[in-house]
Amino acid sequence: MKIGVFDSSSVFDRSQHGQGLKADVERLRDLRLNEMGDKQQELETLRQEMRTKDLTFNEDTRDGMLQRINQLQIDLQRMNDDATREVQAEFNQAQKKLQLELLSVVDAVGREASFSLILEKGLTLYAAPDHDITGLVLDKFDEMFPVGGAAPAEAAEPSGP
């Protein structure tokens, strides 16, 4: 019986495709952080103006400034909440996509290398180091899902038992 064990998180972290999806999520996160940074700067500018000119404002102007500051704080919190949800959803979608692709990769590795059993390292209590096929799975993953390329048709669905 031929048994293999692989580390899926290592495959995700080291594969070209996994790195590309991770970069996409990070770009979205950075974009949202920049947008919030702009809003934060606007808020800080308004607060600074309020601190430096507070004594010169009449009551209506002061109340208007306080309302604008309060509204900017609310807007910033909403932006943060929305960005957090959006980035988390993007991350979850990328992770789900990678997991589905990994199933087809492991299926292909199993068939091509005549494995009887392939286990995921995180779910295995012990495996001898000579059973580790993470490198093989990683190579196959990069072959089946090249960056900028389309996946081969047979890689779309893993075959059943």
Protein backbone atom coordinates (compact mmCIF):
# COMPACT_ATOMS: atom_id res chain seq x y z
CA MET A 1 0.00 0.00 0.00
CA LYS A 2 1.41 3.40 -1.02
CA ILE A 3 0.58 6.23 1.39
CA GLY A 4 1.29 9.94 1.07
CA VAL A 5 0.87 12.86 3.43
CA PHE A 6 0.88 16.52 2.44
CA ASP A 7 0.57 19.89 4.15
CA SER A 8 -2.26 21.83 2.51
CA SER A 9 -1.37 25.15 4.15
CA SER A 10 2.16 24.84 2.77
CA VAL A 11 0.75 24.15 -0.71
CA PHE A 12 -1.55 27.19 -0.45
CA ASP A 13 1.25 29.44 0.82
CA ARG A 14 3.91 28.29 -1.64
CA SER A 15 1.92 27.70 -4.83
CA GLN A 16 1.98 30.40 -7.47
CA HIS A 17 -1.82 30.34 -7.68
CA GLY A 18 -2.22 30.56 -3.89
CA GLN A 19 0.21 33.46 -3.73
CA GLY A 20 -1.72 35.21 -6.50
CA LEU A 21 -5.04 34.84 -4.69
CA LYS A 22 -3.43 36.00 -1.45
CA ALA A 23 -2.03 39.05 -3.26
CA ASP A 24 -5.52 39.83 -4.63
CA VAL A 25 -6.98 39.79 -1.12
CA GLU A 26 -4.11 41.93 0.17
CA ARG A 27 -4.63 44.45 -2.66
CA LEU A 28 -8.31 44.74 -1.75
CA ARG A 29 -7.39 45.17 1.93
CA ASP A 30 -4.81 47.84 1.10
CA LEU A 31 -7.28 49.68 -1.12
CA ARG A 32 -9.87 49.77 1.67
CA LEU A 33 -7.23 50.84 4.21
CA ASN A 34 -6.18 53.70 1.91
CA GLU A 35 -9.80 54.81 1.54
CA MET A 36 -10.22 54.74 5.31
CA GLY A 37 -6.92 56.58 5.70
CA ASP A 38 -8.25 59.40 3.56
CA LYS A 39 -11.41 59.59 5.67
CA GLN A 40 -9.31 59.43 8.86
CA GLN A 41 -7.14 62.29 7.61
CA GLU A 42 -10.24 64.35 6.86
CA LEU A 43 -11.48 63.68 10.41
CA GLU A 44 -8.13 64.59 11.97
CA THR A 45 -7.99 67.83 9.95
CA LEU A 46 -11.45 68.76 11.16
CA ARG A 47 -10.56 67.91 14.77
CA GLN A 48 -7.39 69.99 14.53
CA GLU A 49 -9.36 72.92 13.13
CA MET A 50 -11.83 72.54 15.98
CA ARG A 51 -9.01 72.55 18.58
CA THR A 52 -7.21 75.56 17.15
CA LYS A 53 -10.22 77.73 16.33
CA ASP A 54 -12.70 76.58 19.00
CA LEU A 55 -12.56 79.85 20.92
CA THR A 56 -13.29 81.90 17.80
CA PHE A 57 -16.37 79.90 16.76
CA ASN A 58 -19.85 81.04 17.60
CA GLU A 59 -22.23 78.45 19.02
CA ASP A 60 -23.82 77.54 15.67
CA THR A 61 -20.44 77.07 13.98
CA ARG A 62 -19.17 74.97 16.91
CA ASP A 63 -22.33 72.79 16.82
CA GLY A 64 -21.97 72.36 13.06
CA MET A 65 -18.32 71.35 13.42
CA LEU A 66 -19.18 68.85 16.16
CA GLN A 67 -21.93 67.37 13.98
CA ARG A 68 -19.52 67.03 11.04
CA ILE A 69 -16.92 65.37 13.28
CA ASN A 70 -19.54 63.00 14.68
CA GLN A 71 -20.79 62.14 11.18
CA LEU A 72 -17.24 61.51 9.94
CA GLN A 73 -16.63 59.18 12.90
CA ILE A 74 -19.80 57.26 12.05
CA ASP A 75 -18.83 57.12 8.36
CA LEU A 76 -15.34 55.88 9.25
CA GLN A 77 -16.72 53.13 11.49
CA ARG A 78 -19.13 52.04 8.74
CA MET A 79 -16.30 52.01 6.21
CA ASN A 80 -14.23 49.88 8.57
CA ASP A 81 -17.10 47.44 9.15
CA ASP A 82 -17.86 47.20 5.42
CA ALA A 83 -14.19 46.76 4.51
CA THR A 84 -13.73 44.06 7.12
CA ARG A 85 -16.72 42.13 5.79
CA GLU A 86 -15.64 42.59 2.16
CA VAL A 87 -12.05 41.47 2.75
CA GLN A 88 -13.18 38.51 4.85
CA ALA A 89 -15.64 37.46 2.14
CA GLU A 90 -12.92 37.73 -0.51
CA PHE A 91 -10.55 35.69 1.66
CA ASN A 92 -13.21 33.02 2.26
CA GLN A 93 -13.97 32.82 -1.47
CA ALA A 94 -10.27 32.46 -2.33
CA GLN A 95 -9.81 29.79 0.33
CA LYS A 96 -12.84 27.84 -0.90
CA LYS A 97 -11.56 28.04 -4.47
CA LEU A 98 -8.11 26.78 -3.41
CA GLN A 99 -9.62 23.90 -1.44
CA LEU A 100 -11.72 22.76 -4.40
CA GLU A 101 -8.72 22.99 -6.70
CA LEU A 102 -6.59 21.10 -4.20
CA LEU A 103 -9.07 18.21 -4.24
CA SER A 104 -8.59 17.84 -7.98
CA VAL A 105 -4.79 18.09 -7.59
CA VAL A 106 -4.67 15.42 -4.88
CA ASP A 107 -6.92 13.20 -6.99
CA ALA A 108 -4.58 13.60 -9.96
CA VAL A 109 -1.46 12.95 -7.84
CA GLY A 110 -3.10 9.86 -6.36
CA ARG A 111 -4.03 8.43 -9.73
CA GLU A 112 -0.77 9.31 -11.50
CA ALA A 113 1.54 8.09 -8.73
CA SER A 114 -0.66 5.10 -7.78
CA PHE A 115 -1.23 6.11 -4.17
CA SER A 116 -3.63 3.97 -2.15
CA LEU A 117 -4.18 6.71 0.41
CA ILE A 118 -3.31 10.41 0.68
CA LEU A 119 -3.80 12.19 3.99
CA GLU A 120 -3.69 15.85 4.97
CA LYS A 121 -0.93 16.48 7.50
CA GLY A 122 -3.10 18.65 9.77
CA LEU A 123 -5.54 15.77 10.23
CA THR A 124 -2.86 13.14 10.80
CA LEU A 125 -1.46 12.38 14.24
CA TYR A 126 1.77 10.88 12.92
CA ALA A 127 3.37 10.28 9.56
CA ALA A 128 6.92 9.23 8.84
CA PRO A 129 8.81 11.98 6.99
CA ASP A 130 9.41 9.71 3.99
CA HIS A 131 5.63 9.73 3.33
CA ASP A 132 5.56 13.52 2.90
CA ILE A 133 4.49 14.37 -0.66
CA THR A 134 3.90 18.09 -0.12
CA GLY A 135 6.47 18.96 -2.79
CA LEU A 136 4.82 16.62 -5.29
CA VAL A 137 1.38 18.10 -4.57
CA LEU A 138 2.78 21.62 -4.82
CA ASP A 139 4.41 20.90 -8.18
CA LYS A 140 1.19 19.34 -9.49
CA PHE A 141 -0.84 22.28 -8.18
CA ASP A 142 1.37 24.75 -10.05
CA GLU A 143 1.16 22.57 -13.16
CA MET A 144 -2.63 22.26 -13.07
CA PHE A 145 -3.32 25.86 -12.03
CA PRO A 146 -0.63 28.03 -13.60
CA VAL A 147 -0.67 31.73 -12.85
CA GLY A 148 -2.34 33.58 -15.70
CA GLY A 149 -3.29 30.34 -17.41
CA ALA A 150 -6.45 28.32 -17.59
CA ALA A 151 -6.74 25.07 -15.70
CA PRO A 152 -6.89 21.94 -17.80
CA ALA A 153 -10.41 20.57 -18.30
CA GLU A 154 -9.72 17.40 -16.29
CA ALA A 155 -8.68 19.51 -13.30
CA ALA A 156 -12.13 21.03 -12.86
CA GLU A 157 -13.71 18.18 -10.86
CA PRO A 158 -12.07 15.48 -8.76
CA SER A 159 -13.14 11.99 -9.68
CA GLY A 160 -15.31 10.06 -7.25
CA PRO A 161 -14.30 7.02 -5.17
